[in-house]
């Protein structure tokens, strides 16, 4: 029988680091994990940004695994970049975002429930409420507070981004019983500095949309 030789580790700059395959610095040493965990305990919503290829996604995945292993929270990483192609089409954008959340829950948490809840939410409300309804239902049904890491938020555009932010703001006061205890928004740029152009040519400053969020830094 031919034995498979273990693969040699390599350096990676093309995506999330896999410690078994790539040389890497432990994620916990790149971010102040204790401070982030304090923000989570304090039920903060916060935004972090970091340049490309600095290990942002790898750190988020490692933090998700750590929190889930400790079993105080249900943590989930979601990359919302697939909704970028919807641009200002709120219906298409929100459908993609909630679908991506359900896919991530199935992949990382083995939780199959969210897809059915999406179908119920789409029948019960408009695209401007489907994210709010999904996260509320999940928080109500889950046995632990939810911590949500939403990556590549700066890829969202126009009315899709506005609807996304407003639905999160609408649920903020209900945390953690009927909305996630903590939501972290992450991207290459600080989304609160955006000038968001809506479909009717209004300009909304990112700071006003993010007045529920606490400024954080990573590096």
N, C-alpha and C. Protein backbone atom coordinates (compact mmCIF):
# COMPACT_ATOMS: atom_id res chain seq x y z
N UNK A 1 0.85 -1.19 0.00
CA UNK A 1 0.00 0.00 0.00
C UNK A 1 0.89 1.25 0.00
N UNK A 2 0.55 2.18 -0.87
CA UNK A 2 1.31 3.42 -0.96
C UNK A 2 0.87 4.37 0.14
N UNK A 3 1.83 4.85 0.90
CA UNK A 3 1.52 5.79 1.96
C UNK A 3 1.60 7.22 1.43
N UNK A 4 0.65 8.02 1.83
CA UNK A 4 0.66 9.42 1.42
C UNK A 4 1.59 10.20 2.34
N UNK A 5 2.50 10.91 1.73
CA UNK A 5 3.40 11.74 2.51
C UNK A 5 2.66 12.98 2.99
N UNK A 6 2.94 13.40 4.22
CA UNK A 6 2.30 14.62 4.70
C UNK A 6 2.73 15.81 3.85
N UNK A 7 1.79 16.68 3.53
CA UNK A 7 2.11 17.84 2.70
C UNK A 7 2.96 18.82 3.49
N UNK A 8 3.87 19.49 2.79
CA UNK A 8 4.72 20.48 3.42
C UNK A 8 3.96 21.79 3.56
N UNK A 9 4.22 22.48 4.64
CA UNK A 9 3.57 23.76 4.84
C UNK A 9 4.14 24.79 3.87
N UNK A 10 3.28 25.73 3.47
CA UNK A 10 3.68 26.81 2.58
C UNK A 10 3.19 28.13 3.15
N UNK A 11 3.67 29.23 2.56
CA UNK A 11 3.14 30.54 2.90
C UNK A 11 1.92 30.82 2.02
N UNK A 12 0.95 31.53 2.56
CA UNK A 12 -0.26 31.85 1.79
C UNK A 12 -0.59 33.32 1.93
N UNK A 13 -0.85 33.97 0.78
CA UNK A 13 -1.35 35.35 0.78
C UNK A 13 -2.64 35.44 -0.03
N UNK A 14 -3.25 34.29 -0.30
CA UNK A 14 -4.39 34.26 -1.22
C UNK A 14 -5.70 33.90 -0.55
N UNK A 15 -5.76 33.96 0.75
CA UNK A 15 -7.02 33.62 1.40
C UNK A 15 -6.79 33.23 2.84
N UNK A 16 -7.85 32.74 3.50
CA UNK A 16 -7.72 32.37 4.91
C UNK A 16 -6.61 31.35 5.15
N UNK A 17 -5.92 31.51 6.25
CA UNK A 17 -4.84 30.61 6.63
C UNK A 17 -5.41 29.33 7.23
N UNK A 18 -4.86 28.20 6.82
CA UNK A 18 -5.16 26.91 7.44
C UNK A 18 -3.90 26.45 8.16
N UNK A 19 -3.91 26.44 9.48
CA UNK A 19 -2.68 26.15 10.23
C UNK A 19 -2.02 24.83 9.86
N UNK A 20 -2.80 23.84 9.43
CA UNK A 20 -2.21 22.56 9.05
C UNK A 20 -1.45 22.64 7.73
N UNK A 21 -1.79 23.65 6.90
CA UNK A 21 -1.20 23.75 5.57
C UNK A 21 -0.24 24.93 5.41
N UNK A 22 -0.39 25.96 6.25
CA UNK A 22 0.35 27.19 6.02
C UNK A 22 1.13 27.61 7.26
N UNK A 23 2.29 28.23 7.01
CA UNK A 23 3.00 28.89 8.10
C UNK A 23 2.18 30.10 8.54
N UNK A 24 2.09 30.31 9.84
CA UNK A 24 1.29 31.44 10.29
C UNK A 24 1.64 31.82 11.72
N UNK A 25 1.31 33.07 12.04
CA UNK A 25 1.36 33.54 13.41
C UNK A 25 0.00 33.26 14.03
N UNK A 26 -0.08 32.73 15.24
CA UNK A 26 -1.39 32.45 15.83
C UNK A 26 -2.30 33.67 15.79
N UNK A 27 -3.55 33.42 15.39
CA UNK A 27 -4.50 34.53 15.25
C UNK A 27 -4.65 35.32 16.55
N UNK A 28 -4.59 34.62 17.67
CA UNK A 28 -4.79 35.28 18.96
C UNK A 28 -3.69 36.29 19.27
N UNK A 29 -2.54 36.18 18.59
CA UNK A 29 -1.46 37.12 18.85
C UNK A 29 -1.54 38.35 17.96
N UNK A 30 -2.41 38.33 16.94
CA UNK A 30 -2.51 39.45 16.01
C UNK A 30 -3.58 40.46 16.43
N UNK A 31 -4.59 40.00 17.13
CA UNK A 31 -5.64 40.88 17.64
C UNK A 31 -5.65 40.83 19.15
N UNK A 32 -6.19 41.87 19.74
CA UNK A 32 -6.37 41.89 21.19
C UNK A 32 -7.66 41.13 21.50
N UNK A 33 -7.56 39.81 21.58
CA UNK A 33 -8.74 38.97 21.75
C UNK A 33 -9.44 39.27 23.07
N UNK A 34 -8.67 39.56 24.11
CA UNK A 34 -9.29 39.87 25.40
C UNK A 34 -10.19 41.10 25.31
N UNK A 35 -9.75 42.10 24.55
CA UNK A 35 -10.56 43.30 24.41
C UNK A 35 -11.83 43.00 23.61
N UNK A 36 -11.69 42.23 22.54
CA UNK A 36 -12.87 41.87 21.75
C UNK A 36 -13.85 41.06 22.58
N UNK A 37 -13.34 40.15 23.40
CA UNK A 37 -14.23 39.36 24.26
C UNK A 37 -14.92 40.26 25.30
N UNK A 38 -14.24 41.29 25.74
CA UNK A 38 -14.87 42.24 26.66
C UNK A 38 -16.01 42.98 25.96
N UNK A 39 -15.78 43.40 24.72
CA UNK A 39 -16.85 44.06 23.96
C UNK A 39 -18.06 43.13 23.80
N UNK A 40 -17.78 41.84 23.58
CA UNK A 40 -18.87 40.88 23.44
C UNK A 40 -19.65 40.76 24.75
N UNK A 41 -18.93 40.66 25.87
CA UNK A 41 -19.61 40.59 27.18
C UNK A 41 -20.46 41.83 27.43
N UNK A 42 -19.98 42.98 26.94
CA UNK A 42 -20.70 44.24 27.13
C UNK A 42 -21.81 44.44 26.09
N UNK A 43 -22.01 43.43 25.25
CA UNK A 43 -23.08 43.45 24.23
C UNK A 43 -22.90 44.59 23.24
N UNK A 44 -21.67 44.88 22.90
CA UNK A 44 -21.40 45.95 21.95
C UNK A 44 -21.59 45.47 20.51
N UNK A 45 -21.96 46.41 19.65
CA UNK A 45 -21.89 46.24 18.21
C UNK A 45 -20.71 47.09 17.75
N UNK A 46 -19.82 46.53 16.94
CA UNK A 46 -18.64 47.30 16.58
C UNK A 46 -18.16 46.96 15.18
N UNK A 47 -17.37 47.87 14.63
CA UNK A 47 -16.84 47.72 13.28
C UNK A 47 -15.32 47.74 13.33
N UNK A 48 -14.71 46.81 12.63
CA UNK A 48 -13.26 46.74 12.51
C UNK A 48 -12.90 46.74 11.03
N UNK A 49 -11.75 47.31 10.71
CA UNK A 49 -11.30 47.25 9.32
C UNK A 49 -9.80 47.02 9.29
N UNK A 50 -9.35 46.37 8.22
CA UNK A 50 -7.94 46.05 8.06
C UNK A 50 -7.64 45.89 6.57
N UNK A 51 -6.43 46.22 6.12
CA UNK A 51 -6.08 46.06 4.71
C UNK A 51 -6.15 44.60 4.27
N UNK A 52 -6.14 44.41 2.95
CA UNK A 52 -6.12 43.05 2.40
C UNK A 52 -4.86 42.31 2.83
N UNK A 53 -4.97 41.01 2.94
CA UNK A 53 -3.84 40.11 3.19
C UNK A 53 -3.15 40.40 4.53
N UNK A 54 -3.93 40.80 5.51
CA UNK A 54 -3.38 41.00 6.86
C UNK A 54 -3.88 39.95 7.84
N UNK A 55 -4.60 38.95 7.34
CA UNK A 55 -5.07 37.88 8.21
C UNK A 55 -6.41 38.13 8.85
N UNK A 56 -7.15 39.12 8.34
CA UNK A 56 -8.44 39.48 8.93
C UNK A 56 -9.40 38.30 8.97
N UNK A 57 -9.60 37.66 7.83
CA UNK A 57 -10.55 36.54 7.76
C UNK A 57 -10.08 35.38 8.62
N UNK A 58 -8.78 35.09 8.60
CA UNK A 58 -8.24 34.01 9.42
C UNK A 58 -8.49 34.27 10.90
N UNK A 59 -8.33 35.53 11.32
CA UNK A 59 -8.57 35.88 12.73
C UNK A 59 -10.04 35.72 13.09
N UNK A 60 -10.94 36.12 12.20
CA UNK A 60 -12.36 35.98 12.47
C UNK A 60 -12.76 34.52 12.58
N UNK A 61 -12.24 33.68 11.69
CA UNK A 61 -12.55 32.25 11.75
C UNK A 61 -12.01 31.63 13.04
N UNK A 62 -10.80 32.02 13.42
CA UNK A 62 -10.21 31.48 14.65
C UNK A 62 -11.01 31.92 15.88
N UNK A 63 -11.46 33.17 15.87
CA UNK A 63 -12.25 33.68 17.00
C UNK A 63 -13.60 32.96 17.07
N UNK A 64 -14.21 32.72 15.91
CA UNK A 64 -15.46 31.95 15.89
C UNK A 64 -15.27 30.58 16.51
N UNK A 65 -14.21 29.89 16.11
CA UNK A 65 -13.95 28.54 16.65
C UNK A 65 -13.71 28.59 18.16
N UNK A 66 -12.97 29.59 18.61
CA UNK A 66 -12.68 29.73 20.05
C UNK A 66 -13.97 29.93 20.85
N UNK A 67 -14.80 30.84 20.40
CA UNK A 67 -16.04 31.13 21.14
C UNK A 67 -16.98 29.93 21.15
N UNK A 68 -17.07 29.25 20.02
CA UNK A 68 -17.95 28.07 19.98
C UNK A 68 -17.42 26.94 20.86
N UNK A 69 -16.10 26.80 20.93
CA UNK A 69 -15.52 25.76 21.79
C UNK A 69 -15.78 26.04 23.26
N UNK A 70 -15.82 27.32 23.63
CA UNK A 70 -16.07 27.69 25.03
C UNK A 70 -17.54 27.55 25.41
N UNK A 71 -18.43 27.53 24.44
CA UNK A 71 -19.86 27.22 24.62
C UNK A 71 -20.64 28.24 25.44
N UNK A 72 -20.12 29.47 25.53
CA UNK A 72 -20.90 30.53 26.15
C UNK A 72 -21.78 31.25 25.11
N UNK A 73 -21.33 31.22 23.85
CA UNK A 73 -22.03 31.89 22.76
C UNK A 73 -22.10 30.95 21.56
N UNK A 74 -23.01 31.27 20.65
CA UNK A 74 -22.99 30.68 19.32
C UNK A 74 -22.43 31.74 18.39
N UNK A 75 -21.23 31.51 17.87
CA UNK A 75 -20.56 32.48 17.01
C UNK A 75 -20.59 32.01 15.57
N UNK A 76 -20.78 32.94 14.64
CA UNK A 76 -20.84 32.59 13.23
C UNK A 76 -20.13 33.64 12.39
N UNK A 77 -19.28 33.17 11.48
CA UNK A 77 -18.62 34.02 10.49
C UNK A 77 -19.40 33.95 9.19
N UNK A 78 -19.67 35.12 8.60
CA UNK A 78 -20.39 35.20 7.33
C UNK A 78 -19.70 36.22 6.43
N UNK A 79 -19.42 35.83 5.19
CA UNK A 79 -18.87 36.75 4.20
C UNK A 79 -20.03 37.21 3.31
N UNK A 80 -20.37 38.50 3.38
CA UNK A 80 -21.53 39.01 2.65
C UNK A 80 -21.17 39.54 1.26
N UNK A 81 -19.93 39.35 0.82
CA UNK A 81 -19.50 39.87 -0.48
C UNK A 81 -20.36 39.38 -1.65
N UNK A 82 -20.92 38.15 -1.63
CA UNK A 82 -21.75 37.73 -2.76
C UNK A 82 -22.90 38.69 -3.09
N UNK A 83 -23.32 39.49 -2.12
CA UNK A 83 -24.42 40.43 -2.37
C UNK A 83 -23.97 41.69 -3.10
N UNK A 84 -22.67 41.83 -3.35
CA UNK A 84 -22.18 43.04 -4.02
C UNK A 84 -22.80 43.20 -5.40
N UNK A 85 -22.99 42.10 -6.11
CA UNK A 85 -23.49 42.18 -7.49
C UNK A 85 -24.93 42.69 -7.54
N UNK A 86 -25.65 42.65 -6.43
CA UNK A 86 -27.02 43.19 -6.40
C UNK A 86 -27.02 44.71 -6.45
N UNK A 87 -25.92 45.31 -6.08
CA UNK A 87 -25.77 46.76 -6.04
C UNK A 87 -26.93 47.39 -5.25
N UNK A 88 -27.76 48.22 -5.88
CA UNK A 88 -28.84 48.87 -5.15
C UNK A 88 -30.15 48.12 -5.17
N UNK A 89 -30.17 46.90 -5.69
CA UNK A 89 -31.39 46.09 -5.74
C UNK A 89 -31.58 45.43 -4.37
N UNK A 90 -32.42 46.04 -3.53
CA UNK A 90 -32.57 45.57 -2.15
C UNK A 90 -33.12 44.16 -2.10
N UNK A 91 -34.09 43.84 -2.94
CA UNK A 91 -34.67 42.51 -2.92
C UNK A 91 -33.62 41.44 -3.20
N UNK A 92 -32.85 41.63 -4.26
CA UNK A 92 -31.81 40.66 -4.60
C UNK A 92 -30.71 40.64 -3.55
N UNK A 93 -30.32 41.82 -3.08
CA UNK A 93 -29.24 41.91 -2.10
C UNK A 93 -29.58 41.25 -0.79
N UNK A 94 -30.77 41.54 -0.25
CA UNK A 94 -31.13 40.96 1.04
C UNK A 94 -31.38 39.46 0.93
N UNK A 95 -31.94 39.03 -0.20
CA UNK A 95 -32.13 37.59 -0.40
C UNK A 95 -30.78 36.87 -0.38
N UNK A 96 -29.77 37.48 -1.02
CA UNK A 96 -28.43 36.89 -1.03
C UNK A 96 -27.82 36.89 0.37
N UNK A 97 -27.97 37.98 1.10
CA UNK A 97 -27.37 38.08 2.44
C UNK A 97 -27.95 37.04 3.38
N UNK A 98 -29.28 36.95 3.45
CA UNK A 98 -29.87 35.97 4.38
C UNK A 98 -29.57 34.54 3.93
N UNK A 99 -29.50 34.32 2.61
CA UNK A 99 -29.12 32.99 2.13
C UNK A 99 -27.70 32.63 2.51
N UNK A 100 -26.81 33.62 2.45
CA UNK A 100 -25.41 33.38 2.82
C UNK A 100 -25.29 33.10 4.32
N UNK A 101 -26.07 33.79 5.14
CA UNK A 101 -26.08 33.51 6.58
C UNK A 101 -26.52 32.07 6.83
N UNK A 102 -27.58 31.64 6.15
CA UNK A 102 -28.06 30.26 6.32
C UNK A 102 -27.02 29.25 5.87
N UNK A 103 -26.35 29.53 4.74
CA UNK A 103 -25.31 28.62 4.25
C UNK A 103 -24.16 28.52 5.24
N UNK A 104 -23.77 29.65 5.82
CA UNK A 104 -22.66 29.65 6.78
C UNK A 104 -23.05 28.91 8.05
N UNK A 105 -24.29 29.07 8.50
CA UNK A 105 -24.74 28.34 9.70
C UNK A 105 -24.73 26.84 9.46
N UNK A 106 -25.10 26.44 8.25
CA UNK A 106 -25.08 25.01 7.93
C UNK A 106 -23.64 24.50 7.86
N UNK A 107 -22.74 25.31 7.29
CA UNK A 107 -21.34 24.89 7.12
C UNK A 107 -20.59 24.84 8.44
N UNK A 108 -20.66 25.91 9.22
CA UNK A 108 -19.82 26.02 10.41
C UNK A 108 -20.49 25.48 11.68
N UNK A 109 -21.81 25.57 11.74
CA UNK A 109 -22.52 25.18 12.97
C UNK A 109 -23.34 23.92 12.81
N UNK A 110 -23.44 23.42 11.57
CA UNK A 110 -24.31 22.26 11.27
C UNK A 110 -25.75 22.56 11.67
N UNK A 111 -26.15 23.81 11.53
CA UNK A 111 -27.50 24.25 11.89
C UNK A 111 -28.30 24.40 10.60
N UNK A 112 -29.29 23.54 10.42
CA UNK A 112 -30.08 23.51 9.19
C UNK A 112 -31.34 24.37 9.28
N UNK A 113 -31.61 24.97 10.43
CA UNK A 113 -32.91 25.60 10.65
C UNK A 113 -33.12 26.89 9.87
N UNK A 114 -32.05 27.61 9.59
CA UNK A 114 -32.20 28.97 9.09
C UNK A 114 -32.84 29.04 7.71
N UNK A 115 -32.58 28.05 6.85
CA UNK A 115 -33.15 28.10 5.51
C UNK A 115 -34.68 28.10 5.57
N UNK A 116 -35.24 27.26 6.41
CA UNK A 116 -36.69 27.25 6.57
C UNK A 116 -37.23 28.55 7.12
N UNK A 117 -36.50 29.15 8.05
CA UNK A 117 -36.93 30.43 8.62
C UNK A 117 -36.89 31.54 7.57
N UNK A 118 -35.91 31.47 6.65
CA UNK A 118 -35.85 32.47 5.58
C UNK A 118 -37.11 32.41 4.73
N UNK A 119 -37.52 31.21 4.37
CA UNK A 119 -38.71 31.06 3.54
C UNK A 119 -39.93 31.63 4.24
N UNK A 120 -40.04 31.41 5.55
CA UNK A 120 -41.15 31.98 6.32
C UNK A 120 -41.05 33.51 6.35
N UNK A 121 -39.84 34.02 6.55
CA UNK A 121 -39.65 35.47 6.63
C UNK A 121 -39.97 36.15 5.31
N UNK A 122 -39.59 35.53 4.19
CA UNK A 122 -39.86 36.11 2.88
C UNK A 122 -41.36 36.18 2.60
N UNK A 123 -42.10 35.22 3.14
CA UNK A 123 -43.56 35.25 2.96
C UNK A 123 -44.22 36.29 3.87
N UNK A 124 -43.58 36.57 5.00
CA UNK A 124 -44.22 37.41 6.03
C UNK A 124 -43.85 38.89 5.94
N UNK A 125 -42.75 39.21 5.27
CA UNK A 125 -42.29 40.60 5.30
C UNK A 125 -41.61 40.96 3.99
N UNK A 126 -41.26 42.23 3.86
CA UNK A 126 -40.60 42.73 2.66
C UNK A 126 -39.09 42.50 2.77
N UNK A 127 -38.35 42.72 1.66
CA UNK A 127 -36.89 42.61 1.75
C UNK A 127 -36.28 43.53 2.80
N UNK A 128 -36.98 44.62 3.13
CA UNK A 128 -36.46 45.57 4.12
C UNK A 128 -36.64 45.06 5.55
N UNK A 129 -37.22 43.87 5.72
CA UNK A 129 -37.39 43.32 7.07
C UNK A 129 -36.94 41.89 7.21
N UNK A 130 -36.48 41.28 6.09
CA UNK A 130 -36.20 39.84 6.14
C UNK A 130 -34.98 39.52 6.99
N UNK A 131 -33.95 40.36 6.96
CA UNK A 131 -32.77 40.12 7.80
C UNK A 131 -33.14 40.27 9.28
N UNK A 132 -33.88 41.31 9.60
CA UNK A 132 -34.34 41.53 10.98
C UNK A 132 -35.13 40.33 11.48
N UNK A 133 -36.05 39.83 10.66
CA UNK A 133 -36.91 38.72 11.08
C UNK A 133 -36.09 37.44 11.26
N UNK A 134 -35.15 37.18 10.34
CA UNK A 134 -34.32 35.98 10.45
C UNK A 134 -33.48 36.00 11.72
N UNK A 135 -32.78 37.10 11.97
CA UNK A 135 -31.91 37.17 13.14
C UNK A 135 -32.71 37.15 14.44
N UNK A 136 -33.91 37.74 14.42
CA UNK A 136 -34.77 37.70 15.61
C UNK A 136 -35.21 36.26 15.90
N UNK A 137 -35.64 35.55 14.86
CA UNK A 137 -36.09 34.17 15.06
C UNK A 137 -34.95 33.29 15.56
N UNK A 138 -33.79 33.44 14.97
CA UNK A 138 -32.64 32.63 15.37
C UNK A 138 -32.29 32.90 16.83
N UNK A 139 -32.27 34.17 17.21
CA UNK A 139 -31.92 34.53 18.59
C UNK A 139 -32.94 33.97 19.58
N UNK A 140 -34.21 33.99 19.21
CA UNK A 140 -35.26 33.47 20.09
C UNK A 140 -35.14 31.95 20.26
N UNK A 141 -34.83 31.26 19.18
CA UNK A 141 -34.82 29.80 19.18
C UNK A 141 -33.51 29.20 19.69
N UNK A 142 -32.44 29.97 19.65
CA UNK A 142 -31.13 29.43 20.00
C UNK A 142 -30.95 29.33 21.51
N UNK A 143 -30.16 28.36 21.94
CA UNK A 143 -29.99 28.16 23.38
C UNK A 143 -28.84 28.99 23.97
N UNK A 144 -28.10 29.71 23.13
CA UNK A 144 -27.02 30.58 23.61
C UNK A 144 -27.10 31.92 22.87
N UNK A 145 -26.59 33.00 23.48
CA UNK A 145 -26.55 34.28 22.77
C UNK A 145 -25.71 34.16 21.50
N UNK A 146 -26.11 34.90 20.48
CA UNK A 146 -25.45 34.82 19.18
C UNK A 146 -24.45 35.95 19.02
N UNK A 147 -23.27 35.61 18.50
CA UNK A 147 -22.24 36.57 18.12
C UNK A 147 -22.01 36.40 16.63
N UNK A 148 -22.20 37.48 15.88
CA UNK A 148 -22.18 37.41 14.42
C UNK A 148 -21.03 38.24 13.87
N UNK A 149 -20.15 37.61 13.10
CA UNK A 149 -19.05 38.31 12.43
C UNK A 149 -19.39 38.43 10.95
N UNK A 150 -19.67 39.64 10.50
CA UNK A 150 -20.06 39.89 9.11
C UNK A 150 -18.89 40.53 8.38
N UNK A 151 -18.30 39.79 7.47
CA UNK A 151 -17.08 40.21 6.78
C UNK A 151 -17.41 40.77 5.40
N UNK A 152 -16.51 41.63 4.90
CA UNK A 152 -16.62 42.26 3.58
C UNK A 152 -17.88 43.12 3.46
N UNK A 153 -18.28 43.74 4.55
CA UNK A 153 -19.46 44.60 4.52
C UNK A 153 -19.26 45.78 3.59
N UNK A 154 -18.01 46.23 3.42
CA UNK A 154 -17.75 47.36 2.55
C UNK A 154 -17.96 47.02 1.08
N UNK A 155 -18.26 45.76 0.75
CA UNK A 155 -18.60 45.38 -0.62
C UNK A 155 -20.04 45.74 -0.97
N UNK A 156 -20.89 45.95 0.04
CA UNK A 156 -22.30 46.26 -0.21
C UNK A 156 -22.43 47.69 -0.72
N UNK A 157 -23.46 47.91 -1.54
CA UNK A 157 -23.57 49.17 -2.28
C UNK A 157 -24.96 49.77 -2.12
N UNK A 158 -25.02 51.09 -1.97
CA UNK A 158 -26.25 51.84 -2.09
C UNK A 158 -27.37 51.40 -1.18
N UNK A 159 -28.57 51.25 -1.76
CA UNK A 159 -29.76 50.94 -0.97
C UNK A 159 -29.65 49.59 -0.28
N UNK A 160 -28.91 48.65 -0.85
CA UNK A 160 -28.73 47.36 -0.19
C UNK A 160 -27.99 47.55 1.14
N UNK A 161 -26.94 48.36 1.14
CA UNK A 161 -26.20 48.63 2.37
C UNK A 161 -27.07 49.39 3.37
N UNK A 162 -27.84 50.37 2.88
CA UNK A 162 -28.70 51.14 3.78
C UNK A 162 -29.71 50.24 4.46
N UNK A 163 -30.38 49.37 3.69
CA UNK A 163 -31.37 48.46 4.27
C UNK A 163 -30.73 47.51 5.26
N UNK A 164 -29.57 47.00 4.91
CA UNK A 164 -28.81 46.09 5.78
C UNK A 164 -28.54 46.75 7.13
N UNK A 165 -28.02 47.97 7.11
CA UNK A 165 -27.67 48.67 8.35
C UNK A 165 -28.91 49.03 9.17
N UNK A 166 -29.96 49.45 8.49
CA UNK A 166 -31.16 49.86 9.22
C UNK A 166 -31.85 48.67 9.89
N UNK A 167 -31.80 47.51 9.26
CA UNK A 167 -32.40 46.34 9.89
C UNK A 167 -31.61 45.92 11.13
N UNK A 168 -30.29 46.05 11.07
CA UNK A 168 -29.48 45.75 12.25
C UNK A 168 -29.78 46.76 13.36
N UNK A 169 -29.88 48.02 13.00
CA UNK A 169 -30.20 49.04 14.01
C UNK A 169 -31.57 48.80 14.64
N UNK A 170 -32.51 48.33 13.83
CA UNK A 170 -33.86 48.09 14.35
C UNK A 170 -33.89 47.01 15.41
N UNK A 171 -33.01 46.02 15.29
CA UNK A 171 -33.00 44.93 16.25
C UNK A 171 -32.10 45.14 17.45
N UNK A 172 -31.28 46.20 17.39
CA UNK A 172 -30.24 46.41 18.40
C UNK A 172 -30.80 46.44 19.82
N UNK A 173 -31.90 47.13 20.03
CA UNK A 173 -32.43 47.30 21.39
C UNK A 173 -32.97 46.00 21.97
N UNK A 174 -33.22 44.99 21.13
CA UNK A 174 -33.78 43.72 21.60
C UNK A 174 -32.71 42.68 21.95
N UNK A 175 -31.43 43.04 21.79
CA UNK A 175 -30.38 42.07 22.07
C UNK A 175 -30.29 41.80 23.57
N UNK A 176 -29.89 40.65 24.08
CA UNK A 176 -29.57 39.45 23.30
C UNK A 176 -30.73 38.47 23.20
N UNK A 177 -31.87 38.77 23.83
CA UNK A 177 -32.95 37.78 23.89
C UNK A 177 -33.55 37.52 22.52
N UNK A 178 -33.75 38.59 21.72
CA UNK A 178 -34.38 38.40 20.42
C UNK A 178 -33.59 39.05 19.28
N UNK A 179 -32.29 39.22 19.49
CA UNK A 179 -31.40 39.70 18.44
C UNK A 179 -29.98 39.36 18.88
N UNK A 180 -29.03 39.23 17.94
CA UNK A 180 -27.67 38.86 18.34
C UNK A 180 -27.10 39.77 19.42
N UNK A 181 -26.40 39.16 20.37
CA UNK A 181 -25.79 39.93 21.46
C UNK A 181 -24.75 40.89 20.93
N UNK A 182 -23.94 40.43 19.98
CA UNK A 182 -22.89 41.24 19.38
C UNK A 182 -22.88 41.01 17.88
N UNK A 183 -22.72 42.09 17.13
CA UNK A 183 -22.45 41.99 15.70
C UNK A 183 -21.19 42.78 15.42
N UNK A 184 -20.23 42.13 14.76
CA UNK A 184 -19.02 42.81 14.31
C UNK A 184 -19.09 42.94 12.79
N UNK A 185 -18.93 44.15 12.29
CA UNK A 185 -18.83 44.39 10.86
C UNK A 185 -17.36 44.58 10.52
N UNK A 186 -16.90 43.88 9.51
CA UNK A 186 -15.48 43.92 9.18
C UNK A 186 -15.31 44.11 7.67
N UNK A 187 -14.27 44.83 7.29
CA UNK A 187 -13.98 45.04 5.88
C UNK A 187 -12.61 45.66 5.69
N UNK A 188 -12.31 45.98 4.45
CA UNK A 188 -11.03 46.61 4.13
C UNK A 188 -11.07 48.09 4.52
N UNK A 189 -12.22 48.72 4.29
CA UNK A 189 -12.38 50.13 4.64
C UNK A 189 -13.37 50.26 5.79
N UNK A 190 -13.30 51.37 6.49
CA UNK A 190 -14.24 51.63 7.58
C UNK A 190 -15.55 52.11 6.97
N UNK A 191 -16.55 51.26 7.05
CA UNK A 191 -17.82 51.55 6.38
C UNK A 191 -18.49 52.80 6.95
N UNK A 192 -18.15 53.21 8.16
CA UNK A 192 -18.76 54.40 8.74
C UNK A 192 -18.27 55.68 8.10
N UNK A 193 -17.21 55.60 7.31
CA UNK A 193 -16.71 56.79 6.63
C UNK A 193 -17.30 56.92 5.22
N UNK A 194 -18.20 56.02 4.84
CA UNK A 194 -18.78 56.04 3.50
C UNK A 194 -19.70 57.23 3.29
N UNK A 195 -19.80 57.64 2.04
CA UNK A 195 -20.90 58.47 1.58
C UNK A 195 -21.76 57.54 0.72
N UNK A 196 -22.88 57.07 1.30
CA UNK A 196 -23.70 56.04 0.66
C UNK A 196 -24.72 56.72 -0.24
N UNK A 197 -24.68 56.42 -1.54
CA UNK A 197 -25.61 56.98 -2.50
C UNK A 197 -26.81 56.05 -2.64
N UNK A 198 -28.00 56.55 -2.30
CA UNK A 198 -29.20 55.74 -2.40
C UNK A 198 -29.80 55.86 -3.79
N UNK A 199 -30.84 55.04 -4.05
CA UNK A 199 -31.44 55.01 -5.37
C UNK A 199 -32.08 56.33 -5.78
N UNK A 200 -32.52 57.14 -4.83
CA UNK A 200 -33.13 58.43 -5.16
C UNK A 200 -32.13 59.57 -5.03
N UNK A 201 -30.84 59.21 -5.14
CA UNK A 201 -29.74 60.18 -5.18
C UNK A 201 -29.50 60.91 -3.87
N UNK A 202 -30.08 60.44 -2.77
CA UNK A 202 -29.73 60.98 -1.47
C UNK A 202 -28.36 60.43 -1.06
N UNK A 203 -27.66 61.19 -0.24
CA UNK A 203 -26.37 60.76 0.28
C UNK A 203 -26.49 60.58 1.78
N UNK A 204 -26.19 59.38 2.26
CA UNK A 204 -26.22 59.08 3.69
C UNK A 204 -24.80 58.83 4.15
N UNK A 205 -24.35 59.56 5.14
CA UNK A 205 -23.01 59.35 5.66
C UNK A 205 -22.97 58.07 6.47
N UNK A 206 -21.90 57.30 6.29
CA UNK A 206 -21.78 56.03 7.00
C UNK A 206 -21.86 56.18 8.51
N UNK A 207 -21.36 57.29 9.03
CA UNK A 207 -21.38 57.49 10.47
C UNK A 207 -22.78 57.51 11.05
N UNK A 208 -23.74 58.09 10.32
CA UNK A 208 -25.10 58.14 10.83
C UNK A 208 -25.73 56.76 10.83
N UNK A 209 -25.41 55.95 9.85
CA UNK A 209 -25.94 54.59 9.80
C UNK A 209 -25.32 53.72 10.88
N UNK A 210 -24.15 54.10 11.36
CA UNK A 210 -23.42 53.27 12.31
C UNK A 210 -23.42 53.84 13.71
N UNK A 211 -24.39 54.67 14.05
CA UNK A 211 -24.32 55.28 15.37
C UNK A 211 -24.59 54.29 16.49
N UNK A 212 -24.89 53.04 16.17
CA UNK A 212 -25.01 52.00 17.19
C UNK A 212 -23.69 51.25 17.38
N UNK A 213 -22.68 51.58 16.58
CA UNK A 213 -21.47 50.77 16.57
C UNK A 213 -20.32 51.48 17.28
N UNK A 214 -19.50 50.67 17.91
CA UNK A 214 -18.34 51.14 18.66
C UNK A 214 -17.10 50.97 17.79
N UNK A 215 -16.27 51.99 17.73
CA UNK A 215 -15.09 51.92 16.87
C UNK A 215 -14.04 51.01 17.49
N UNK A 216 -13.58 50.07 16.70
CA UNK A 216 -12.49 49.19 17.11
C UNK A 216 -11.36 49.26 16.10
N UNK A 217 -10.26 48.65 16.41
CA UNK A 217 -9.13 48.62 15.49
C UNK A 217 -8.52 47.24 15.50
N UNK A 218 -7.85 46.90 14.41
CA UNK A 218 -7.18 45.61 14.35
C UNK A 218 -5.86 45.78 13.64
N UNK A 219 -4.95 44.89 13.92
CA UNK A 219 -3.66 45.00 13.30
C UNK A 219 -2.74 43.92 13.78
